[in-house]
């Protein structure tokens, strides 16, 4: 995608709001939201996620959960079925978090499973080889265990030919009583425009067929959805850390304990769970030092989409993550 507004690294160069019609459409204060939300996910209906990639839960991680809850974070998502999770997930439930886990073919122990509100299982597609059929049978056994304990979610990493099995995936998800089917994209896979369209339109056709029995989510968006939605345009607010979870509804904690609003973006690191500072102090410094850079990142990404009608379907979050790497040399 060509850039019409080169990304620079000075906060002073933050781009002004841009809109095809009216700048006032991007006034985020027009739709009020709680400045200091304390509702649980079930009460407020807005998911504000802490995504955990750490393999060994620690007291420092629990400490961050305790500090993040008053800021509005209400969902804990853990990658991998580590059986050392019990203290973490029991504490998070006490704090009002919704506990979710994403795993492949290994489930946590029943003692841990009963503390989970949602388990996400990855499904590649129809089994073809004997090994795949064996793994598929184990997955179906796991699904039975999950359905007897908690809520099931299925996820699929899209490939260019995935549009051919999306109908089968939808039927499989409904048959196995999944609450949702999430279709992800992979940045390492090269896509043609026609295959993006096939997956995009197949997804909408199947949503009409399956919902409300099954919720189908897709990472891909059309450029019109970006241009016409002010939520994709970041403006500075005066809420400080109290409004932080409204601006950044998902935080990632990586294997090193770094707290990131943009995954794998070291420049936008908020802090580390092992730091002696309070989370609110880390956030205050981040808002002071880095918010304008993030405003610039969102603004310029939006401008590029607006300026290039040839690119119609893409993953917004992947675009933001990729373009955030341009700031790495300024650390």
C-alpha atoms as a PDB file:
ATOM      1  CA  UNK A   1       0.000   0.000   0.000  1.00  0.00           C
ATOM      2  CA  UNK A   2       1.444   3.337  -1.003  1.00  0.00           C
ATOM      3  CA  UNK A   3       1.769   6.074   1.560  1.00  0.00           C
ATOM      4  CA  UNK A   4       0.686   9.610   0.818  1.00  0.00           C
ATOM      5  CA  UNK A   5       1.726  10.908   4.228  1.00  0.00           C
ATOM      6  CA  UNK A   6       5.153   9.556   5.250  1.00  0.00           C
ATOM      7  CA  UNK A   7       5.355   8.409   8.855  1.00  0.00           C
ATOM      8  CA  UNK A   8       7.803  10.477  10.842  1.00  0.00           C
ATOM      9  CA  UNK A   9       8.898  10.034  14.431  1.00  0.00           C
ATOM     10  CA  UNK A  10       8.270  13.430  15.993  1.00  0.00           C
ATOM     11  CA  UNK A  11       5.168  13.901  18.158  1.00  0.00           C
ATOM     12  CA  UNK A  12       4.967  17.408  16.747  1.00  0.00           C
ATOM     13  CA  UNK A  13       4.169  15.940  13.336  1.00  0.00           C
ATOM     14  CA  UNK A  14       0.930  14.248  14.439  1.00  0.00           C
ATOM     15  CA  UNK A  15      -1.528  14.404  11.547  1.00  0.00           C
ATOM     16  CA  UNK A  16      -4.769  16.294  11.965  1.00  0.00           C
ATOM     17  CA  UNK A  17      -8.037  14.332  11.901  1.00  0.00           C
ATOM     18  CA  UNK A  18      -9.133  13.463   8.393  1.00  0.00           C
ATOM     19  CA  UNK A  19     -12.529  12.436   7.097  1.00  0.00           C
ATOM     20  CA  UNK A  20     -14.061  12.157   3.644  1.00  0.00           C
ATOM     21  CA  UNK A  21     -16.902  14.370   4.817  1.00  0.00           C
ATOM     22  CA  UNK A  22     -16.674  16.026   8.205  1.00  0.00           C
ATOM     23  CA  UNK A  23     -13.974  15.986  10.873  1.00  0.00           C
ATOM     24  CA  UNK A  24     -16.613  16.215  13.591  1.00  0.00           C
ATOM     25  CA  UNK A  25     -17.615  12.633  12.783  1.00  0.00           C
ATOM     26  CA  UNK A  26     -14.477  11.557  14.638  1.00  0.00           C
ATOM     27  CA  UNK A  27     -15.283  13.312  17.907  1.00  0.00           C
ATOM     28  CA  UNK A  28     -14.985  10.410  20.350  1.00  0.00           C
ATOM     29  CA  UNK A  29     -16.631  12.461  23.088  1.00  0.00           C
ATOM     30  CA  UNK A  30     -19.906  12.349  21.175  1.00  0.00           C
ATOM     31  CA  UNK A  31     -20.631   8.839  22.498  1.00  0.00           C
ATOM     32  CA  UNK A  32     -19.992   8.872  26.266  1.00  0.00           C
ATOM     33  CA  UNK A  33     -18.496   5.820  27.943  1.00  0.00           C
ATOM     34  CA  UNK A  34     -17.726   5.232  31.628  1.00  0.00           C
ATOM     35  CA  UNK A  35     -14.515   7.016  32.593  1.00  0.00           C
ATOM     36  CA  UNK A  36     -13.724   4.476  35.271  1.00  0.00           C
ATOM     37  CA  UNK A  37     -15.705   1.339  34.396  1.00  0.00           C
ATOM     38  CA  UNK A  38     -16.019  -1.216  37.188  1.00  0.00           C
ATOM     39  CA  UNK A  39     -18.742  -3.421  35.701  1.00  0.00           C
ATOM     40  CA  UNK A  40     -18.043  -7.052  34.955  1.00  0.00           C
ATOM     41  CA  UNK A  41     -18.251  -8.191  31.341  1.00  0.00           C
ATOM     42  CA  UNK A  42     -21.695  -9.641  31.975  1.00  0.00           C
ATOM     43  CA  UNK A  43     -22.903  -6.260  33.289  1.00  0.00           C
ATOM     44  CA  UNK A  44     -21.385  -3.826  30.790  1.00  0.00           C
ATOM     45  CA  UNK A  45     -21.250  -6.071  27.704  1.00  0.00           C
ATOM     46  CA  UNK A  46     -17.881  -4.613  26.614  1.00  0.00           C
ATOM     47  CA  UNK A  47     -14.886  -6.933  26.543  1.00  0.00           C
ATOM     48  CA  UNK A  48     -11.612  -5.370  27.701  1.00  0.00           C
ATOM     49  CA  UNK A  49      -8.992  -8.079  27.455  1.00  0.00           C
ATOM     50  CA  UNK A  50      -5.695  -8.989  29.058  1.00  0.00           C
ATOM     51  CA  UNK A  51      -4.051 -11.458  26.648  1.00  0.00           C
ATOM     52  CA  UNK A  52      -1.485 -13.580  28.515  1.00  0.00           C
ATOM     53  CA  UNK A  53       1.322 -15.392  26.666  1.00  0.00           C
ATOM     54  CA  UNK A  54       3.477 -16.154  29.712  1.00  0.00           C
ATOM     55  CA  UNK A  55       4.113 -19.860  30.262  1.00  0.00           C
ATOM     56  CA  UNK A  56       4.709 -19.606  34.008  1.00  0.00           C
ATOM     57  CA  UNK A  57       2.158 -17.556  35.966  1.00  0.00           C
ATOM     58  CA  UNK A  58       3.735 -15.542  38.762  1.00  0.00           C
ATOM     59  CA  UNK A  59       2.652 -13.386  41.677  1.00  0.00           C
ATOM     60  CA  UNK A  60       3.687 -10.373  39.586  1.00  0.00           C
ATOM     61  CA  UNK A  61       1.120 -11.357  36.956  1.00  0.00           C
ATOM     62  CA  UNK A  62      -1.610 -11.684  39.565  1.00  0.00           C
ATOM     63  CA  UNK A  63      -0.604  -8.255  40.877  1.00  0.00           C
ATOM     64  CA  UNK A  64      -1.153  -6.753  37.409  1.00  0.00           C
ATOM     65  CA  UNK A  65      -4.604  -8.382  37.204  1.00  0.00           C
ATOM     66  CA  UNK A  66      -5.497  -6.787  40.530  1.00  0.00           C
ATOM     67  CA  UNK A  67      -4.408  -3.356  39.297  1.00  0.00           C
ATOM     68  CA  UNK A  68      -6.020  -3.683  35.848  1.00  0.00           C
ATOM     69  CA  UNK A  69      -9.501  -4.625  37.094  1.00  0.00           C
ATOM     70  CA  UNK A  70     -10.356  -1.128  38.476  1.00  0.00           C
ATOM     71  CA  UNK A  71      -9.274   0.327  35.112  1.00  0.00           C
ATOM     72  CA  UNK A  72     -12.027  -1.635  33.371  1.00  0.00           C
ATOM     73  CA  UNK A  73     -10.253  -4.785  32.170  1.00  0.00           C
ATOM     74  CA  UNK A  74     -12.638  -7.678  32.620  1.00  0.00           C
ATOM     75  CA  UNK A  75     -11.524 -10.595  30.413  1.00  0.00           C
ATOM     76  CA  UNK A  76      -8.472 -12.797  30.860  1.00  0.00           C
ATOM     77  CA  UNK A  77      -7.354 -14.761  27.792  1.00  0.00           C
ATOM     78  CA  UNK A  78      -4.548 -17.279  28.230  1.00  0.00           C
ATOM     79  CA  UNK A  79      -2.676 -18.926  25.365  1.00  0.00           C
ATOM     80  CA  UNK A  80      -1.878 -22.579  26.066  1.00  0.00           C
ATOM     81  CA  UNK A  81      -3.238 -25.121  28.556  1.00  0.00           C
ATOM     82  CA  UNK A  82      -0.619 -24.753  31.292  1.00  0.00           C
ATOM     83  CA  UNK A  83      -1.692 -26.677  34.391  1.00  0.00           C
ATOM     84  CA  UNK A  84       0.002 -24.173  36.717  1.00  0.00           C
ATOM     85  CA  UNK A  85      -2.842 -21.727  36.115  1.00  0.00           C
ATOM     86  CA  UNK A  86      -5.086 -22.461  39.072  1.00  0.00           C
ATOM     87  CA  UNK A  87      -4.069 -19.577  41.348  1.00  0.00           C
ATOM     88  CA  UNK A  88      -4.178 -17.145  38.428  1.00  0.00           C
ATOM     89  CA  UNK A  89      -7.646 -18.073  37.209  1.00  0.00           C
ATOM     90  CA  UNK A  90      -9.230 -18.428  40.647  1.00  0.00           C
ATOM     91  CA  UNK A  91      -7.906 -14.979  41.561  1.00  0.00           C
ATOM     92  CA  UNK A  92      -9.130 -13.481  38.289  1.00  0.00           C
ATOM     93  CA  UNK A  93     -12.636 -14.850  38.903  1.00  0.00           C
ATOM     94  CA  UNK A  94     -12.605 -13.253  42.337  1.00  0.00           C
ATOM     95  CA  UNK A  95     -11.685  -9.953  40.671  1.00  0.00           C
ATOM     96  CA  UNK A  96     -14.621 -10.242  38.249  1.00  0.00           C
ATOM     97  CA  UNK A  97     -12.724 -11.358  35.142  1.00  0.00           C
ATOM     98  CA  UNK A  98     -14.169 -13.679  32.535  1.00  0.00           C
ATOM     99  CA  UNK A  99     -11.646 -16.526  32.164  1.00  0.00           C
ATOM    100  CA  UNK A 100     -10.905 -17.736  28.639  1.00  0.00           C
ATOM    101  CA  UNK A 101      -8.185 -19.978  27.247  1.00  0.00           C
ATOM    102  CA  UNK A 102      -6.988 -20.734  23.708  1.00  0.00           C
ATOM    103  CA  UNK A 103      -5.469 -24.160  23.107  1.00  0.00           C
ATOM    104  CA  UNK A 104      -4.877 -26.711  20.347  1.00  0.00           C
ATOM    105  CA  UNK A 105      -5.139 -30.364  21.354  1.00  0.00           C
ATOM    106  CA  UNK A 106      -4.364 -30.283  25.091  1.00  0.00           C
ATOM    107  CA  UNK A 107      -6.948 -29.388  27.706  1.00  0.00           C
ATOM    108  CA  UNK A 108      -6.189 -28.182  31.216  1.00  0.00           C
ATOM    109  CA  UNK A 109      -7.037 -30.470  34.107  1.00  0.00           C
ATOM    110  CA  UNK A 110     -10.707 -30.754  35.153  1.00  0.00           C
ATOM    111  CA  UNK A 111      -9.869 -28.791  38.314  1.00  0.00           C
ATOM    112  CA  UNK A 112      -8.749 -25.833  36.145  1.00  0.00           C
ATOM    113  CA  UNK A 113     -11.355 -26.359  33.435  1.00  0.00           C
ATOM    114  CA  UNK A 114     -14.220 -25.712  35.842  1.00  0.00           C
ATOM    115  CA  UNK A 115     -12.845 -22.208  36.485  1.00  0.00           C
ATOM    116  CA  UNK A 116     -12.926 -21.306  32.770  1.00  0.00           C
ATOM    117  CA  UNK A 117     -15.832 -19.452  31.176  1.00  0.00           C
ATOM    118  CA  UNK A 118     -14.784 -20.171  27.591  1.00  0.00           C
ATOM    119  CA  UNK A 119     -12.339 -22.536  25.884  1.00  0.00           C
ATOM    120  CA  UNK A 120     -11.230 -21.835  22.313  1.00  0.00           C
ATOM    121  CA  UNK A 121     -10.120 -24.797  20.190  1.00  0.00           C
ATOM    122  CA  UNK A 122      -8.254 -24.352  16.902  1.00  0.00           C
ATOM    123  CA  UNK A 123      -9.505 -26.333  13.915  1.00  0.00           C
ATOM    124  CA  UNK A 124      -7.494 -26.545  10.681  1.00  0.00           C
ATOM    125  CA  UNK A 125     -10.146 -28.157   8.500  1.00  0.00           C
ATOM    126  CA  UNK A 126     -11.249 -31.581   7.273  1.00  0.00           C
ATOM    127  CA  UNK A 127      -8.811 -34.360   8.244  1.00  0.00           C
ATOM    128  CA  UNK A 128      -7.087 -35.956   5.247  1.00  0.00           C
ATOM    129  CA  UNK A 129      -4.265 -38.205   6.506  1.00  0.00           C
ATOM    130  CA  UNK A 130      -4.390 -40.919   9.222  1.00  0.00           C
ATOM    131  CA  UNK A 131      -2.455 -38.653  11.619  1.00  0.00           C
ATOM    132  CA  UNK A 132      -4.859 -35.805  10.975  1.00  0.00           C
ATOM    133  CA  UNK A 133      -7.854 -38.109  11.519  1.00  0.00           C
ATOM    134  CA  UNK A 134      -6.385 -39.286  14.825  1.00  0.00           C
ATOM    135  CA  UNK A 135      -5.793 -35.684  15.989  1.00  0.00           C
ATOM    136  CA  UNK A 136      -9.284 -34.748  14.791  1.00  0.00           C
ATOM    137  CA  UNK A 137     -10.832 -37.537  16.865  1.00  0.00           C
ATOM    138  CA  UNK A 138      -8.946 -36.318  19.962  1.00  0.00           C
ATOM    139  CA  UNK A 139     -10.209 -32.808  19.305  1.00  0.00           C
ATOM    140  CA  UNK A 140     -13.797 -34.068  19.149  1.00  0.00           C
ATOM    141  CA  UNK A 141     -13.285 -35.838  22.487  1.00  0.00           C
ATOM    142  CA  UNK A 142     -11.989 -32.578  23.952  1.00  0.00           C
ATOM    143  CA  UNK A 143     -15.014 -30.733  22.579  1.00  0.00           C
ATOM    144  CA  UNK A 144     -17.316 -33.177  24.368  1.00  0.00           C
ATOM    145  CA  UNK A 145     -15.480 -32.518  27.650  1.00  0.00           C
ATOM    146  CA  UNK A 146     -15.707 -28.747  27.112  1.00  0.00           C
ATOM    147  CA  UNK A 147     -19.415 -28.838  26.302  1.00  0.00           C
ATOM    148  CA  UNK A 148     -20.028 -30.732  29.543  1.00  0.00           C
ATOM    149  CA  UNK A 149     -18.109 -28.108  31.521  1.00  0.00           C
ATOM    150  CA  UNK A 150     -18.114 -24.645  29.941  1.00  0.00           C
ATOM    151  CA  UNK A 151     -18.628 -22.710  26.679  1.00  0.00           C
ATOM    152  CA  UNK A 152     -16.898 -23.746  23.435  1.00  0.00           C
ATOM    153  CA  UNK A 153     -15.410 -21.400  20.837  1.00  0.00           C
ATOM    154  CA  UNK A 154     -13.792 -22.570  17.592  1.00  0.00           C
ATOM    155  CA  UNK A 155     -11.105 -20.713  15.676  1.00  0.00           C
ATOM    156  CA  UNK A 156      -9.713 -21.257  12.170  1.00  0.00           C
ATOM    157  CA  UNK A 157      -6.611 -19.747  10.556  1.00  0.00           C
ATOM    158  CA  UNK A 158      -7.723 -18.751   7.076  1.00  0.00           C
ATOM    159  CA  UNK A 159      -5.832 -19.939   4.013  1.00  0.00           C
ATOM    160  CA  UNK A 160      -6.485 -18.734   0.457  1.00  0.00           C
ATOM    161  CA  UNK A 161      -8.587 -21.856  -0.190  1.00  0.00           C
ATOM    162  CA  UNK A 162     -10.472 -21.749   3.126  1.00  0.00           C
ATOM    163  CA  UNK A 163     -13.569 -20.340   1.455  1.00  0.00           C
ATOM    164  CA  UNK A 164     -14.159 -23.871   0.138  1.00  0.00           C
ATOM    165  CA  UNK A 165     -14.592 -25.322   3.652  1.00  0.00           C
ATOM    166  CA  UNK A 166     -16.247 -22.418   5.480  1.00  0.00           C
ATOM    167  CA  UNK A 167     -19.683 -23.966   5.012  1.00  0.00           C
ATOM    168  CA  UNK A 168     -18.403 -27.247   6.452  1.00  0.00           C
ATOM    169  CA  UNK A 169     -16.760 -25.392   9.363  1.00  0.00           C
ATOM    170  CA  UNK A 170     -20.035 -23.623  10.108  1.00  0.00           C
ATOM    171  CA  UNK A 171     -21.978 -26.897  10.116  1.00  0.00           C
ATOM    172  CA  UNK A 172     -19.297 -28.496  12.319  1.00  0.00           C
ATOM    173  CA  UNK A 173     -19.451 -25.613  14.807  1.00  0.00           C
ATOM    174  CA  UNK A 174     -23.255 -25.742  15.020  1.00  0.00           C
ATOM    175  CA  UNK A 175     -23.270 -29.539  15.321  1.00  0.00           C
ATOM    176  CA  UNK A 176     -20.764 -29.365  18.191  1.00  0.00           C
ATOM    177  CA  UNK A 177     -22.640 -26.561  19.994  1.00  0.00           C
ATOM    178  CA  UNK A 178     -19.937 -23.909  19.666  1.00  0.00           C
ATOM    179  CA  UNK A 179     -20.949 -20.409  20.711  1.00  0.00           C
ATOM    180  CA  UNK A 180     -18.783 -18.777  18.042  1.00  0.00           C
ATOM    181  CA  UNK A 181     -16.474 -19.424  15.107  1.00  0.00           C
ATOM    182  CA  UNK A 182     -13.585 -16.966  14.750  1.00  0.00           C
ATOM    183  CA  UNK A 183     -11.819 -16.714  11.378  1.00  0.00           C
ATOM    184  CA  UNK A 184      -8.268 -15.382  11.704  1.00  0.00           C
ATOM    185  CA  UNK A 185      -5.770 -14.301   9.045  1.00  0.00           C
ATOM    186  CA  UNK A 186      -2.036 -14.986   8.987  1.00  0.00           C
ATOM    187  CA  UNK A 187       0.388 -12.262   7.870  1.00  0.00           C
ATOM    188  CA  UNK A 188       2.841 -14.867   6.527  1.00  0.00           C
ATOM    189  CA  UNK A 189       0.347 -16.083   3.926  1.00  0.00           C
ATOM    190  CA  UNK A 190       0.197 -14.294   0.571  1.00  0.00           C
ATOM    191  CA  UNK A 191      -3.331 -13.564  -0.561  1.00  0.00           C
ATOM    192  CA  UNK A 192      -4.779 -12.707  -3.937  1.00  0.00           C
ATOM    193  CA  UNK A 193      -7.587 -10.161  -4.071  1.00  0.00           C
ATOM    194  CA  UNK A 194     -10.052 -12.771  -5.348  1.00  0.00           C
ATOM    195  CA  UNK A 195      -9.363 -15.163  -2.442  1.00  0.00           C
ATOM    196  CA  UNK A 196      -9.820 -12.333   0.075  1.00  0.00           C
ATOM    197  CA  UNK A 197     -13.183 -11.535  -1.516  1.00  0.00           C
ATOM    198  CA  UNK A 198     -14.206 -15.200  -1.483  1.00  0.00           C
ATOM    199  CA  UNK A 199     -13.540 -15.522   2.245  1.00  0.00           C
ATOM    200  CA  UNK A 200     -15.039 -12.127   3.008  1.00  0.00           C
ATOM    201  CA  UNK A 201     -18.349 -12.709   1.192  1.00  0.00           C
ATOM    202  CA  UNK A 202     -18.596 -16.368   2.258  1.00  0.00           C
ATOM    203  CA  UNK A 203     -18.347 -15.173   5.847  1.00  0.00           C
ATOM    204  CA  UNK A 204     -21.282 -12.779   5.414  1.00  0.00           C
ATOM    205  CA  UNK A 205     -23.404 -15.396   3.674  1.00  0.00           C
ATOM    206  CA  UNK A 206     -22.775 -17.902   6.471  1.00  0.00           C
ATOM    207  CA  UNK A 207     -23.460 -15.300   9.183  1.00  0.00           C
ATOM    208  CA  UNK A 208     -26.925 -14.797   7.720  1.00  0.00           C
ATOM    209  CA  UNK A 209     -27.440 -18.556   7.751  1.00  0.00           C
ATOM    210  CA  UNK A 210     -26.003 -19.365  11.203  1.00  0.00           C
ATOM    211  CA  UNK A 211     -26.770 -16.455  13.524  1.00  0.00           C
ATOM    212  CA  UNK A 212     -28.015 -16.193  16.208  1.00  0.00           C
ATOM    213  CA  UNK A 213     -27.325 -19.895  16.849  1.00  0.00           C
ATOM    214  CA  UNK A 214     -23.635 -19.397  16.016  1.00  0.00           C
ATOM    215  CA  UNK A 215     -21.683 -16.123  16.058  1.00  0.00           C
ATOM    216  CA  UNK A 216     -19.177 -15.954  13.169  1.00  0.00           C
ATOM    217  CA  UNK A 217     -16.359 -13.397  13.454  1.00  0.00           C
ATOM    218  CA  UNK A 218     -13.862 -12.407  10.770  1.00  0.00           C
ATOM    219  CA  UNK A 219     -10.597 -10.469  11.144  1.00  0.00           C
ATOM    220  CA  UNK A 220     -10.987  -8.922   7.683  1.00  0.00           C
ATOM    221  CA  UNK A 221     -12.681  -5.585   7.023  1.00  0.00           C
ATOM    222  CA  UNK A 222     -13.683  -3.656   3.915  1.00  0.00           C
ATOM    223  CA  UNK A 223     -12.220  -0.157   3.513  1.00  0.00           C
ATOM    224  CA  UNK A 224     -15.731   1.359   3.736  1.00  0.00           C
ATOM    225  CA  UNK A 225     -16.102  -0.088   7.233  1.00  0.00           C
ATOM    226  CA  UNK A 226     -12.957   1.770   8.274  1.00  0.00           C
ATOM    227  CA  UNK A 227     -13.778   5.069   6.562  1.00  0.00           C
ATOM    228  CA  UNK A 228     -17.318   5.242   7.939  1.00  0.00           C
ATOM    229  CA  UNK A 229     -16.492   4.193  11.513  1.00  0.00           C
ATOM    230  CA  UNK A 230     -14.987   6.782  13.885  1.00  0.00           C
ATOM    231  CA  UNK A 231     -13.808   4.058  16.278  1.00  0.00           C
ATOM    232  CA  UNK A 232     -10.886   3.378  13.949  1.00  0.00           C
ATOM    233  CA  UNK A 233      -9.596   6.905  14.428  1.00  0.00           C
ATOM    234  CA  UNK A 234      -7.768   7.635  17.679  1.00  0.00           C
ATOM    235  CA  UNK A 235      -8.090  10.993  19.387  1.00  0.00           C
ATOM    236  CA  UNK A 236      -6.449  12.136  22.574  1.00  0.00           C
ATOM    237  CA  UNK A 237      -8.713  12.357  25.608  1.00  0.00           C
ATOM    238  CA  UNK A 238      -8.216  13.994  28.985  1.00  0.00           C
ATOM    239  CA  UNK A 239      -9.249  10.930  30.940  1.00  0.00           C
ATOM    240  CA  UNK A 240      -5.683   9.855  31.821  1.00  0.00           C
ATOM    241  CA  UNK A 241      -5.327   6.280  33.010  1.00  0.00           C
ATOM    242  CA  UNK A 242      -9.011   6.181  34.062  1.00  0.00           C
ATOM    243  CA  UNK A 243     -10.032   6.114  30.378  1.00  0.00           C
ATOM    244  CA  UNK A 244      -7.143   3.953  29.260  1.00  0.00           C
ATOM    245  CA  UNK A 245      -9.127   0.740  28.780  1.00  0.00           C
ATOM    246  CA  UNK A 246     -11.593   2.631  26.585  1.00  0.00           C
ATOM    247  CA  UNK A 247      -8.778   3.682  24.239  1.00  0.00           C
ATOM    248  CA  UNK A 248      -6.925   0.348  24.439  1.00  0.00           C
ATOM    249  CA  UNK A 249      -9.435  -2.444  24.938  1.00  0.00           C
ATOM    250  CA  UNK A 250      -6.809  -5.182  24.692  1.00  0.00           C
ATOM    251  CA  UNK A 251      -3.409  -5.447  26.361  1.00  0.00           C
ATOM    252  CA  UNK A 252      -0.930  -8.221  25.595  1.00  0.00           C
ATOM    253  CA  UNK A 253       1.487  -9.554  28.206  1.00  0.00           C
ATOM    254  CA  UNK A 254       4.220 -11.399  26.325  1.00  0.00           C
ATOM    255  CA  UNK A 255       6.570 -14.189  27.402  1.00  0.00           C
ATOM    256  CA  UNK A 256       8.981 -11.633  28.897  1.00  0.00           C
ATOM    257  CA  UNK A 257       6.264  -9.964  30.951  1.00  0.00           C
ATOM    258  CA  UNK A 258       6.170  -6.834  28.768  1.00  0.00           C
ATOM    259  CA  UNK A 259       2.782  -5.063  28.691  1.00  0.00           C
ATOM    260  CA  UNK A 260       1.895  -4.041  25.127  1.00  0.00           C
ATOM    261  CA  UNK A 261      -1.142  -2.241  23.641  1.00  0.00           C
ATOM    262  CA  UNK A 262       0.087  -3.315  20.181  1.00  0.00           C
ATOM    263  CA  UNK A 263       1.370  -6.926  20.065  1.00  0.00           C
ATOM    264  CA  UNK A 264       5.092  -7.367  19.309  1.00  0.00           C
ATOM    265  CA  UNK A 265       5.651  -3.602  19.263  1.00  0.00           C
ATOM    266  CA  UNK A 266       8.550  -2.881  21.633  1.00  0.00           C
ATOM    267  CA  UNK A 267       8.384   0.874  20.984  1.00  0.00           C
ATOM    268  CA  UNK A 268       4.892   1.043  22.481  1.00  0.00           C
ATOM    269  CA  UNK A 269       5.787  -1.014  25.545  1.00  0.00           C
ATOM    270  CA  UNK A 270       3.919   0.272  28.621  1.00  0.00           C
ATOM    271  CA  UNK A 271       6.088  -1.505  31.171  1.00  0.00           C
ATOM    272  CA  UNK A 272       6.796  -4.955  32.580  1.00  0.00           C
ATOM    273  CA  UNK A 273       4.870  -6.934  35.178  1.00  0.00           C
ATOM    274  CA  UNK A 274       8.091  -7.263  37.217  1.00  0.00           C
ATOM    275  CA  UNK A 275       8.621  -3.478  37.413  1.00  0.00           C
ATOM    276  CA  UNK A 276       8.311  -1.998  40.887  1.00  0.00           C
ATOM    277  CA  UNK A 277       6.028   0.783  39.609  1.00  0.00           C
ATOM    278  CA  UNK A 278       2.261   0.602  39.847  1.00  0.00           C
ATOM    279  CA  UNK A 279       0.387  -0.062  36.604  1.00  0.00           C
ATOM    280  CA  UNK A 280      -1.279   3.363  36.843  1.00  0.00           C
ATOM    281  CA  UNK A 281       2.175   4.998  36.973  1.00  0.00           C
ATOM    282  CA  UNK A 282       3.332   3.056  33.897  1.00  0.00           C
ATOM    283  CA  UNK A 283       0.160   4.044  32.067  1.00  0.00           C
ATOM    284  CA  UNK A 284       0.521   7.703  33.040  1.00  0.00           C
ATOM    285  CA  UNK A 285       4.049   7.830  31.641  1.00  0.00           C
ATOM    286  CA  UNK A 286       2.966   5.948  28.512  1.00  0.00           C
ATOM    287  CA  UNK A 287       0.120   8.382  27.872  1.00  0.00           C
ATOM    288  CA  UNK A 288       2.472  11.313  28.301  1.00  0.00           C
ATOM    289  CA  UNK A 289       5.330   9.961  26.170  1.00  0.00           C
ATOM    290  CA  UNK A 290       3.720   7.696  23.560  1.00  0.00           C
ATOM    291  CA  UNK A 291       0.061   8.562  23.051  1.00  0.00           C
ATOM    292  CA  UNK A 292       0.800  11.148  20.376  1.00  0.00           C
ATOM    293  CA  UNK A 293       2.856   8.593  18.475  1.00  0.00           C
ATOM    294  CA  UNK A 294      -0.056   6.148  18.563  1.00  0.00           C
ATOM    295  CA  UNK A 295      -2.418   8.894  17.413  1.00  0.00           C
ATOM    296  CA  UNK A 296      -0.053   9.480  14.507  1.00  0.00           C
ATOM    297  CA  UNK A 297       0.110   5.749  13.735  1.00  0.00           C
ATOM    298  CA  UNK A 298      -3.684   5.383  13.616  1.00  0.00           C
ATOM    299  CA  UNK A 299      -4.105   8.647  11.730  1.00  0.00           C
ATOM    300  CA  UNK A 300      -1.558   7.814   9.030  1.00  0.00           C
ATOM    301  CA  UNK A 301      -2.861   4.262   8.626  1.00  0.00           C
ATOM    302  CA  UNK A 302      -6.345   5.672   8.145  1.00  0.00           C
ATOM    303  CA  UNK A 303      -5.000   8.182   5.581  1.00  0.00           C
ATOM    304  CA  UNK A 304      -3.336   5.395   3.609  1.00  0.00           C
ATOM    305  CA  UNK A 305      -6.579   3.436   3.459  1.00  0.00           C
ATOM    306  CA  UNK A 306      -8.445   6.555   2.381  1.00  0.00           C
ATOM    307  CA  UNK A 307      -5.871   7.307  -0.325  1.00  0.00           C
ATOM    308  CA  UNK A 308      -5.676   3.814  -1.841  1.00  0.00           C
ATOM    309  CA  UNK A 309      -9.061   2.538  -3.081  1.00  0.00           C
ATOM    310  CA  UNK A 310      -7.268  -0.364  -4.778  1.00  0.00           C
ATOM    311  CA  UNK A 311      -6.837  -2.165  -1.460  1.00  0.00           C
ATOM    312  CA  UNK A 312     -10.358  -2.955  -0.314  1.00  0.00           C
ATOM    313  CA  UNK A 313     -10.110  -5.831   2.186  1.00  0.00           C
ATOM    314  CA  UNK A 314      -7.533  -6.148   4.953  1.00  0.00           C
ATOM    315  CA  UNK A 315      -6.928  -6.770   8.648  1.00  0.00           C
ATOM    316  CA  UNK A 316      -6.868  -3.419  10.484  1.00  0.00           C
ATOM    317  CA  UNK A 317      -5.042  -4.753  13.545  1.00  0.00           C
ATOM    318  CA  UNK A 318      -2.341  -6.374  11.423  1.00  0.00           C
ATOM    319  CA  UNK A 319      -1.862  -3.106   9.537  1.00  0.00           C
ATOM    320  CA  UNK A 320      -1.402  -1.228  12.818  1.00  0.00           C
ATOM    321  CA  UNK A 321       1.032  -3.855  14.123  1.00  0.00           C
ATOM    322  CA  UNK A 322       3.116  -3.841  10.932  1.00  0.00           C
ATOM    323  CA  UNK A 323       3.273  -0.047  10.686  1.00  0.00           C
ATOM    324  CA  UNK A 324       4.173   0.326  14.372  1.00  0.00           C
ATOM    325  CA  UNK A 325       7.557  -1.244  13.552  1.00  0.00           C
ATOM    326  CA  UNK A 326       8.532   2.008  11.826  1.00  0.00           C
ATOM    327  CA  UNK A 327       8.978   3.530  15.275  1.00  0.00           C
ATOM    328  CA  UNK A 328      11.514   0.927  16.448  1.00  0.00           C
ATOM    329  CA  UNK A 329      14.598   3.051  15.677  1.00  0.00           C
ATOM    330  CA  UNK A 330      13.434   5.826  17.993  1.00  0.00           C
ATOM    331  CA  UNK A 331      13.503   3.826  21.255  1.00  0.00           C
END
